[in-house]
């Protein structure tokens, strides 16, 4: 692209903070002890929820990953985060 003088176009114009930490609350317990290793499949799964821009608003994408195989074992898309990870499982 640089060679031909083309540039990408991105609709993003800044950074939006979607999560604000409550300084009066303790952080959640680290249930996996930051050890993201297992000896076999289906022993430890991790999940992530991401906000994705859509045409009119935003949707949420939840994925569940098996730590041993690093494969996505489930995913779900919805307009709210309520029960979204459970739906992904």
PDB file of N, CA and C in Angstrom:
ATOM      1  N   UNK A   1       0.825  -1.180   0.000  1.00  0.00           N
ATOM      2  CA  UNK A   1       0.000   0.000   0.000  1.00  0.00           C
ATOM      3  C   UNK A   1       0.873   1.249   0.000  1.00  0.00           C
ATOM      4  N   UNK A   2       1.951   1.224   0.767  1.00  0.00           N
ATOM      5  CA  UNK A   2       2.834   2.374   0.817  1.00  0.00           C
ATOM      6  C   UNK A   2       3.428   2.644  -0.561  1.00  0.00           C
ATOM      7  N   UNK A   3       3.769   1.582  -1.270  1.00  0.00           N
ATOM      8  CA  UNK A   3       4.385   1.693  -2.588  1.00  0.00           C
ATOM      9  C   UNK A   3       3.432   2.365  -3.579  1.00  0.00           C
ATOM     10  N   UNK A   4       2.163   2.083  -3.475  1.00  0.00           N
ATOM     11  CA  UNK A   4       1.191   2.658  -4.413  1.00  0.00           C
ATOM     12  C   UNK A   4       0.534   3.934  -3.885  1.00  0.00           C
ATOM     13  N   UNK A   5       0.879   4.346  -2.666  1.00  0.00           N
ATOM     14  CA  UNK A   5       0.329   5.577  -2.115  1.00  0.00           C
ATOM     15  C   UNK A   5      -1.045   5.428  -1.494  1.00  0.00           C
ATOM     16  N   UNK A   6      -1.467   4.190  -1.199  1.00  0.00           N
ATOM     17  CA  UNK A   6      -2.766   3.963  -0.588  1.00  0.00           C
ATOM     18  C   UNK A   6      -2.660   4.017   0.929  1.00  0.00           C
ATOM     19  N   UNK A   7      -3.741   4.477   1.579  1.00  0.00           N
ATOM     20  CA  UNK A   7      -3.790   4.504   3.032  1.00  0.00           C
ATOM     21  C   UNK A   7      -5.106   3.911   3.489  1.00  0.00           C
ATOM     22  N   UNK A   8      -5.075   3.233   4.625  1.00  0.00           N
ATOM     23  CA  UNK A   8      -6.289   2.670   5.192  1.00  0.00           C
ATOM     24  C   UNK A   8      -7.149   3.746   5.845  1.00  0.00           C
ATOM     25  N   UNK A   9      -8.445   3.491   5.906  1.00  0.00           N
ATOM     26  CA  UNK A   9      -9.372   4.422   6.513  1.00  0.00           C
ATOM     27  C   UNK A   9     -10.003   3.730   7.708  1.00  0.00           C
ATOM     28  N   UNK A  10      -9.985   4.388   8.851  1.00  0.00           N
ATOM     29  CA  UNK A  10     -10.561   3.830  10.060  1.00  0.00           C
ATOM     30  C   UNK A  10     -11.569   4.815  10.630  1.00  0.00           C
ATOM     31  N   UNK A  11     -12.768   4.342  11.000  1.00  0.00           N
ATOM     32  CA  UNK A  11     -13.751   5.262  11.565  1.00  0.00           C
ATOM     33  C   UNK A  11     -13.473   5.645  13.014  1.00  0.00           C
ATOM     34  N   UNK A  12     -12.448   5.087  13.610  1.00  0.00           N
ATOM     35  CA  UNK A  12     -12.140   5.366  15.015  1.00  0.00           C
ATOM     36  C   UNK A  12     -11.509   6.744  15.154  1.00  0.00           C
ATOM     37  N   UNK A  13     -12.020   7.509  16.099  1.00  0.00           N
ATOM     38  CA  UNK A  13     -11.512   8.866  16.299  1.00  0.00           C
ATOM     39  C   UNK A  13     -11.040   9.109  17.717  1.00  0.00           C
ATOM     40  N   UNK A  14     -10.864   8.074  18.485  1.00  0.00           N
ATOM     41  CA  UNK A  14     -10.419   8.269  19.852  1.00  0.00           C
ATOM     42  C   UNK A  14     -10.547   6.982  20.637  1.00  0.00           C
ATOM     43  N   UNK A  15     -10.362   7.091  21.904  1.00  0.00           N
ATOM     44  CA  UNK A  15     -10.400   5.930  22.792  1.00  0.00           C
ATOM     45  C   UNK A  15     -11.531   6.123  23.777  1.00  0.00           C
ATOM     46  N   UNK A  16     -12.415   5.136  23.867  1.00  0.00           N
ATOM     47  CA  UNK A  16     -13.554   5.211  24.768  1.00  0.00           C
ATOM     48  C   UNK A  16     -13.334   4.243  25.924  1.00  0.00           C
ATOM     49  N   UNK A  17     -13.418   4.746  27.152  1.00  0.00           N
ATOM     50  CA  UNK A  17     -13.283   3.909  28.337  1.00  0.00           C
ATOM     51  C   UNK A  17     -14.648   3.312  28.648  1.00  0.00           C
ATOM     52  N   UNK A  18     -14.743   1.979  28.642  1.00  0.00           N
ATOM     53  CA  UNK A  18     -16.032   1.325  28.887  1.00  0.00           C
ATOM     54  C   UNK A  18     -16.122   0.711  30.276  1.00  0.00           C
ATOM     55  N   UNK A  19     -15.006   0.626  30.978  1.00  0.00           N
ATOM     56  CA  UNK A  19     -14.993   0.037  32.313  1.00  0.00           C
ATOM     57  C   UNK A  19     -14.302   0.985  33.279  1.00  0.00           C
ATOM     58  N   UNK A  20     -14.946   1.266  34.362  1.00  0.00           N
ATOM     59  CA  UNK A  20     -14.344   2.105  35.390  1.00  0.00           C
ATOM     60  C   UNK A  20     -14.210   1.268  36.663  1.00  0.00           C
ATOM     61  N   UNK A  21     -13.008   1.228  37.202  1.00  0.00           N
ATOM     62  CA  UNK A  21     -12.727   0.427  38.384  1.00  0.00           C
ATOM     63  C   UNK A  21     -13.218   1.139  39.638  1.00  0.00           C
ATOM     64  N   UNK A  22     -13.855   0.396  40.511  1.00  0.00           N
ATOM     65  CA  UNK A  22     -14.300   0.922  41.799  1.00  0.00           C
ATOM     66  C   UNK A  22     -13.123   0.812  42.768  1.00  0.00           C
ATOM     67  N   UNK A  23     -12.569   1.941  43.154  1.00  0.00           N
ATOM     68  CA  UNK A  23     -11.374   1.937  44.003  1.00  0.00           C
ATOM     69  C   UNK A  23     -11.667   1.492  45.427  1.00  0.00           C
ATOM     70  N   UNK A  24     -12.943   1.460  45.831  1.00  0.00           N
ATOM     71  CA  UNK A  24     -13.303   1.058  47.183  1.00  0.00           C
ATOM     72  C   UNK A  24     -13.478  -0.459  47.312  1.00  0.00           C
ATOM     73  N   UNK A  25     -13.554  -1.178  46.220  1.00  0.00           N
ATOM     74  CA  UNK A  25     -13.745  -2.623  46.240  1.00  0.00           C
ATOM     75  C   UNK A  25     -12.412  -3.339  46.032  1.00  0.00           C
ATOM     76  N   UNK A  26     -12.292  -4.522  46.640  1.00  0.00           N
ATOM     77  CA  UNK A  26     -11.111  -5.346  46.398  1.00  0.00           C
ATOM     78  C   UNK A  26     -11.199  -5.946  45.003  1.00  0.00           C
ATOM     79  N   UNK A  27     -10.052  -6.190  44.348  1.00  0.00           N
ATOM     80  CA  UNK A  27     -10.097  -6.879  43.064  1.00  0.00           C
ATOM     81  C   UNK A  27     -10.621  -8.302  43.243  1.00  0.00           C
ATOM     82  N   UNK A  28     -11.181  -8.864  42.185  1.00  0.00           N
ATOM     83  CA  UNK A  28     -11.703 -10.228  42.233  1.00  0.00           C
ATOM     84  C   UNK A  28     -10.559 -11.215  42.475  1.00  0.00           C
ATOM     85  N   UNK A  29     -10.876 -12.342  43.087  1.00  0.00           N
ATOM     86  CA  UNK A  29      -9.864 -13.368  43.373  1.00  0.00           C
ATOM     87  C   UNK A  29      -9.342 -13.965  42.071  1.00  0.00           C
ATOM     88  N   UNK A  30      -8.057 -14.268  42.044  1.00  0.00           N
ATOM     89  CA  UNK A  30      -7.429 -14.886  40.881  1.00  0.00           C
ATOM     90  C   UNK A  30      -7.583 -16.402  41.018  1.00  0.00           C
ATOM     91  N   UNK A  31      -8.623 -16.946  40.426  1.00  0.00           N
ATOM     92  CA  UNK A  31      -8.964 -18.354  40.620  1.00  0.00           C
ATOM     93  C   UNK A  31      -8.013 -19.317  39.921  1.00  0.00           C
ATOM     94  N   UNK A  32      -7.313 -18.867  38.879  1.00  0.00           N
ATOM     95  CA  UNK A  32      -6.371 -19.758  38.191  1.00  0.00           C
ATOM     96  C   UNK A  32      -4.932 -19.483  38.595  1.00  0.00           C
ATOM     97  N   UNK A  33      -4.738 -18.554  39.510  1.00  0.00           N
ATOM     98  CA  UNK A  33      -3.401 -18.249  40.043  1.00  0.00           C
ATOM     99  C   UNK A  33      -2.419 -17.838  38.953  1.00  0.00           C
ATOM    100  N   UNK A  34      -2.941 -17.256  37.882  1.00  0.00           N
ATOM    101  CA  UNK A  34      -2.123 -16.824  36.740  1.00  0.00           C
ATOM    102  C   UNK A  34      -1.316 -17.964  36.133  1.00  0.00           C
ATOM    103  N   UNK A  35      -1.748 -19.184  36.325  1.00  0.00           N
ATOM    104  CA  UNK A  35      -1.096 -20.347  35.731  1.00  0.00           C
ATOM    105  C   UNK A  35      -1.989 -20.839  34.600  1.00  0.00           C
ATOM    106  N   UNK A  36      -1.705 -20.404  33.400  1.00  0.00           N
ATOM    107  CA  UNK A  36      -2.519 -20.762  32.250  1.00  0.00           C
ATOM    108  C   UNK A  36      -1.919 -21.964  31.527  1.00  0.00           C
ATOM    109  N   UNK A  37      -1.681 -23.038  32.275  1.00  0.00           N
ATOM    110  CA  UNK A  37      -1.141 -24.272  31.709  1.00  0.00           C
ATOM    111  C   UNK A  37      -1.902 -25.444  32.312  1.00  0.00           C
ATOM    112  N   UNK A  38      -2.174 -26.451  31.497  1.00  0.00           N
ATOM    113  CA  UNK A  38      -2.819 -27.671  31.963  1.00  0.00           C
ATOM    114  C   UNK A  38      -2.137 -28.863  31.317  1.00  0.00           C
ATOM    115  N   UNK A  39      -2.404 -30.049  31.831  1.00  0.00           N
ATOM    116  CA  UNK A  39      -1.796 -31.266  31.295  1.00  0.00           C
ATOM    117  C   UNK A  39      -2.702 -31.995  30.311  1.00  0.00           C
ATOM    118  N   UNK A  40      -3.974 -31.593  30.244  1.00  0.00           N
ATOM    119  CA  UNK A  40      -4.913 -32.255  29.345  1.00  0.00           C
ATOM    120  C   UNK A  40      -6.018 -31.285  28.956  1.00  0.00           C
ATOM    121  N   UNK A  41      -6.780 -31.673  27.960  1.00  0.00           N
ATOM    122  CA  UNK A  41      -7.887 -30.843  27.490  1.00  0.00           C
ATOM    123  C   UNK A  41      -9.023 -30.822  28.513  1.00  0.00           C
ATOM    124  N   UNK A  42      -9.846 -29.801  28.430  1.00  0.00           N
ATOM    125  CA  UNK A  42     -11.056 -29.640  29.244  1.00  0.00           C
ATOM    126  C   UNK A  42     -10.801 -29.536  30.748  1.00  0.00           C
ATOM    127  N   UNK A  43      -9.625 -29.084  31.151  1.00  0.00           N
ATOM    128  CA  UNK A  43      -9.348 -28.864  32.569  1.00  0.00           C
ATOM    129  C   UNK A  43      -9.487 -27.394  32.948  1.00  0.00           C
ATOM    130  N   UNK A  44      -9.159 -26.495  32.021  1.00  0.00           N
ATOM    131  CA  UNK A  44      -9.226 -25.063  32.298  1.00  0.00           C
ATOM    132  C   UNK A  44      -9.671 -24.343  31.035  1.00  0.00           C
ATOM    133  N   UNK A  45     -10.700 -23.525  31.205  1.00  0.00           N
ATOM    134  CA  UNK A  45     -11.187 -22.699  30.110  1.00  0.00           C
ATOM    135  C   UNK A  45     -11.213 -21.253  30.571  1.00  0.00           C
ATOM    136  N   UNK A  46     -10.920 -20.355  29.657  1.00  0.00           N
ATOM    137  CA  UNK A  46     -10.966 -18.930  29.951  1.00  0.00           C
ATOM    138  C   UNK A  46     -11.943 -18.270  28.987  1.00  0.00           C
ATOM    139  N   UNK A  47     -12.498 -17.141  29.397  1.00  0.00           N
ATOM    140  CA  UNK A  47     -13.488 -16.438  28.580  1.00  0.00           C
ATOM    141  C   UNK A  47     -13.114 -14.972  28.456  1.00  0.00           C
ATOM    142  N   UNK A  48     -13.597 -14.363  27.387  1.00  0.00           N
ATOM    143  CA  UNK A  48     -13.392 -12.944  27.161  1.00  0.00           C
ATOM    144  C   UNK A  48     -14.642 -12.379  26.512  1.00  0.00           C
ATOM    145  N   UNK A  49     -14.995 -11.171  26.893  1.00  0.00           N
ATOM    146  CA  UNK A  49     -16.123 -10.464  26.287  1.00  0.00           C
ATOM    147  C   UNK A  49     -15.578  -9.190  25.662  1.00  0.00           C
ATOM    148  N   UNK A  50     -15.886  -8.981  24.388  1.00  0.00           N
ATOM    149  CA  UNK A  50     -15.386  -7.836  23.646  1.00  0.00           C
ATOM    150  C   UNK A  50     -16.549  -7.063  23.046  1.00  0.00           C
ATOM    151  N   UNK A  51     -16.480  -5.763  23.110  1.00  0.00           N
ATOM    152  CA  UNK A  51     -17.491  -4.905  22.496  1.00  0.00           C
ATOM    153  C   UNK A  51     -17.070  -4.627  21.063  1.00  0.00           C
ATOM    154  N   UNK A  52     -17.958  -4.914  20.112  1.00  0.00           N
ATOM    155  CA  UNK A  52     -17.657  -4.786  18.691  1.00  0.00           C
ATOM    156  C   UNK A  52     -18.596  -3.741  18.082  1.00  0.00           C
ATOM    157  N   UNK A  53     -18.054  -2.746  17.364  1.00  0.00           N
ATOM    158  CA  UNK A  53     -18.939  -1.765  16.738  1.00  0.00           C
ATOM    159  C   UNK A  53     -19.741  -2.398  15.605  1.00  0.00           C
ATOM    160  N   UNK A  54     -21.031  -2.082  15.548  1.00  0.00           N
ATOM    161  CA  UNK A  54     -21.912  -2.544  14.479  1.00  0.00           C
ATOM    162  C   UNK A  54     -22.449  -1.311  13.751  1.00  0.00           C
ATOM    163  N   UNK A  55     -23.361  -1.509  12.811  1.00  0.00           N
ATOM    164  CA  UNK A  55     -23.854  -0.380  12.019  1.00  0.00           C
ATOM    165  C   UNK A  55     -24.489   0.701  12.884  1.00  0.00           C
ATOM    166  N   UNK A  56     -25.438   0.329  13.712  1.00  0.00           N
ATOM    167  CA  UNK A  56     -26.177   1.334  14.467  1.00  0.00           C
ATOM    168  C   UNK A  56     -25.668   1.509  15.896  1.00  0.00           C
ATOM    169  N   UNK A  57     -25.114   0.462  16.491  1.00  0.00           N
ATOM    170  CA  UNK A  57     -24.655   0.544  17.878  1.00  0.00           C
ATOM    171  C   UNK A  57     -23.491  -0.415  18.071  1.00  0.00           C
ATOM    172  N   UNK A  58     -23.477  -1.082  19.198  1.00  0.00           N
ATOM    173  CA  UNK A  58     -22.434  -2.052  19.503  1.00  0.00           C
ATOM    174  C   UNK A  58     -23.067  -3.395  19.836  1.00  0.00           C
ATOM    175  N   UNK A  59     -22.334  -4.470  19.578  1.00  0.00           N
ATOM    176  CA  UNK A  59     -22.727  -5.800  20.026  1.00  0.00           C
ATOM    177  C   UNK A  59     -21.568  -6.359  20.836  1.00  0.00           C
ATOM    178  N   UNK A  60     -21.851  -7.359  21.644  1.00  0.00           N
ATOM    179  CA  UNK A  60     -20.830  -7.979  22.471  1.00  0.00           C
ATOM    180  C   UNK A  60     -20.549  -9.379  21.956  1.00  0.00           C
ATOM    181  N   UNK A  61     -19.271  -9.724  21.876  1.00  0.00           N
ATOM    182  CA  UNK A  61     -18.829 -11.047  21.456  1.00  0.00           C
ATOM    183  C   UNK A  61     -18.156 -11.710  22.646  1.00  0.00           C
ATOM    184  N   UNK A  62     -18.653 -12.878  23.039  1.00  0.00           N
ATOM    185  CA  UNK A  62     -18.048 -13.648  24.124  1.00  0.00           C
ATOM    186  C   UNK A  62     -17.447 -14.912  23.536  1.00  0.00           C
ATOM    187  N   UNK A  63     -16.200 -15.202  23.890  1.00  0.00           N
ATOM    188  CA  UNK A  63     -15.567 -16.439  23.439  1.00  0.00           C
ATOM    189  C   UNK A  63     -15.049 -17.202  24.653  1.00  0.00           C
ATOM    190  N   UNK A  64     -15.060 -18.519  24.545  1.00  0.00           N
ATOM    191  CA  UNK A  64     -14.523 -19.400  25.576  1.00  0.00           C
ATOM    192  C   UNK A  64     -13.430 -20.231  24.912  1.00  0.00           C
ATOM    193  N   UNK A  65     -12.235 -20.232  25.510  1.00  0.00           N
ATOM    194  CA  UNK A  65     -11.074 -20.907  24.937  1.00  0.00           C
ATOM    195  C   UNK A  65     -10.590 -21.989  25.895  1.00  0.00           C
ATOM    196  N   UNK A  66     -10.316 -23.178  25.355  1.00  0.00           N
ATOM    197  CA  UNK A  66      -9.689 -24.239  26.130  1.00  0.00           C
ATOM    198  C   UNK A  66      -8.200 -23.930  26.218  1.00  0.00           C
ATOM    199  N   UNK A  67      -7.662 -23.835  27.422  1.00  0.00           N
ATOM    200  CA  UNK A  67      -6.278 -23.415  27.619  1.00  0.00           C
ATOM    201  C   UNK A  67      -5.298 -24.427  27.034  1.00  0.00           C
ATOM    202  N   UNK A  68      -5.585 -25.707  27.159  1.00  0.00           N
ATOM    203  CA  UNK A  68      -4.637 -26.725  26.699  1.00  0.00           C
ATOM    204  C   UNK A  68      -4.499 -26.723  25.181  1.00  0.00           C
ATOM    205  N   UNK A  69      -5.606 -26.723  24.465  1.00  0.00           N
ATOM    206  CA  UNK A  69      -5.547 -26.790  23.002  1.00  0.00           C
ATOM    207  C   UNK A  69      -5.524 -25.411  22.354  1.00  0.00           C
ATOM    208  N   UNK A  70      -5.852 -24.374  23.118  1.00  0.00           N
ATOM    209  CA  UNK A  70      -5.940 -23.000  22.623  1.00  0.00           C
ATOM    210  C   UNK A  70      -6.962 -22.869  21.490  1.00  0.00           C
ATOM    211  N   UNK A  71      -7.982 -23.686  21.552  1.00  0.00           N
ATOM    212  CA  UNK A  71      -9.050 -23.629  20.560  1.00  0.00           C
ATOM    213  C   UNK A  71     -10.294 -23.001  21.177  1.00  0.00           C
ATOM    214  N   UNK A  72     -11.037 -22.329  20.344  1.00  0.00           N
ATOM    215  CA  UNK A  72     -12.300 -21.753  20.793  1.00  0.00           C
ATOM    216  C   UNK A  72     -13.308 -22.885  20.918  1.00  0.00           C
ATOM    217  N   UNK A  73     -13.860 -23.045  22.110  1.00  0.00           N
ATOM    218  CA  UNK A  73     -14.834 -24.115  22.346  1.00  0.00           C
ATOM    219  C   UNK A  73     -16.263 -23.590  22.315  1.00  0.00           C
ATOM    220  N   UNK A  74     -16.429 -22.278  22.310  1.00  0.00           N
ATOM    221  CA  UNK A  74     -17.754 -21.704  22.220  1.00  0.00           C
ATOM    222  C   UNK A  74     -17.701 -20.209  22.043  1.00  0.00           C
ATOM    223  N   UNK A  75     -18.727 -19.681  21.408  1.00  0.00           N
ATOM    224  CA  UNK A  75     -18.820 -18.239  21.241  1.00  0.00           C
ATOM    225  C   UNK A  75     -20.284 -17.842  21.147  1.00  0.00           C
ATOM    226  N   UNK A  76     -20.568 -16.587  21.463  1.00  0.00           N
ATOM    227  CA  UNK A  76     -21.926 -16.059  21.385  1.00  0.00           C
ATOM    228  C   UNK A  76     -21.859 -14.558  21.147  1.00  0.00           C
ATOM    229  N   UNK A  77     -22.853 -14.051  20.449  1.00  0.00           N
ATOM    230  CA  UNK A  77     -22.961 -12.624  20.169  1.00  0.00           C
ATOM    231  C   UNK A  77     -24.304 -12.152  20.705  1.00  0.00           C
ATOM    232  N   UNK A  78     -24.314 -10.982  21.344  1.00  0.00           N
ATOM    233  CA  UNK A  78     -25.559 -10.440  21.864  1.00  0.00           C
ATOM    234  C   UNK A  78     -25.473  -8.949  22.084  1.00  0.00           C
ATOM    235  N   UNK A  79     -26.611  -8.348  22.373  1.00  0.00           N
ATOM    236  CA  UNK A  79     -26.666  -6.904  22.589  1.00  0.00           C
ATOM    237  C   UNK A  79     -26.404  -6.518  24.037  1.00  0.00           C
ATOM    238  N   UNK A  80     -26.373  -7.502  24.941  1.00  0.00           N
ATOM    239  CA  UNK A  80     -26.018  -7.232  26.329  1.00  0.00           C
ATOM    240  C   UNK A  80     -25.123  -8.365  26.821  1.00  0.00           C
ATOM    241  N   UNK A  81     -24.396  -8.096  27.890  1.00  0.00           N
ATOM    242  CA  UNK A  81     -23.457  -9.097  28.404  1.00  0.00           C
ATOM    243  C   UNK A  81     -24.112 -10.088  29.346  1.00  0.00           C
ATOM    244  N   UNK A  82     -25.376  -9.867  29.688  1.00  0.00           N
ATOM    245  CA  UNK A  82     -26.068 -10.737  30.609  1.00  0.00           C
ATOM    246  C   UNK A  82     -26.178 -12.145  30.025  1.00  0.00           C
ATOM    247  N   UNK A  83     -25.637 -13.119  30.715  1.00  0.00           N
ATOM    248  CA  UNK A  83     -25.688 -14.530  30.336  1.00  0.00           C
ATOM    249  C   UNK A  83     -24.998 -14.844  29.006  1.00  0.00           C
ATOM    250  N   UNK A  84     -24.190 -13.923  28.499  1.00  0.00           N
ATOM    251  CA  UNK A  84     -23.552 -14.140  27.213  1.00  0.00           C
ATOM    252  C   UNK A  84     -22.475 -15.215  27.272  1.00  0.00           C
ATOM    253  N   UNK A  85     -21.658 -15.225  28.339  1.00  0.00           N
ATOM    254  CA  UNK A  85     -20.611 -16.244  28.469  1.00  0.00           C
ATOM    255  C   UNK A  85     -21.225 -17.626  28.673  1.00  0.00           C
ATOM    256  N   UNK A  86     -22.305 -17.705  29.430  1.00  0.00           N
ATOM    257  CA  UNK A  86     -22.993 -18.984  29.616  1.00  0.00           C
ATOM    258  C   UNK A  86     -23.502 -19.491  28.272  1.00  0.00           C
ATOM    259  N   UNK A  87     -24.016 -18.608  27.442  1.00  0.00           N
ATOM    260  CA  UNK A  87     -24.476 -19.004  26.108  1.00  0.00           C
ATOM    261  C   UNK A  87     -23.302 -19.478  25.253  1.00  0.00           C
ATOM    262  N   UNK A  88     -22.120 -18.909  25.445  1.00  0.00           N
ATOM    263  CA  UNK A  88     -20.952 -19.314  24.672  1.00  0.00           C
ATOM    264  C   UNK A  88     -20.495 -20.725  25.064  1.00  0.00           C
ATOM    265  N   UNK A  89     -20.677 -21.078  26.330  1.00  0.00           N
ATOM    266  CA  UNK A  89     -20.284 -22.412  26.781  1.00  0.00           C
ATOM    267  C   UNK A  89     -21.253 -23.423  26.209  1.00  0.00           C
TER     268      UNK A  89
END
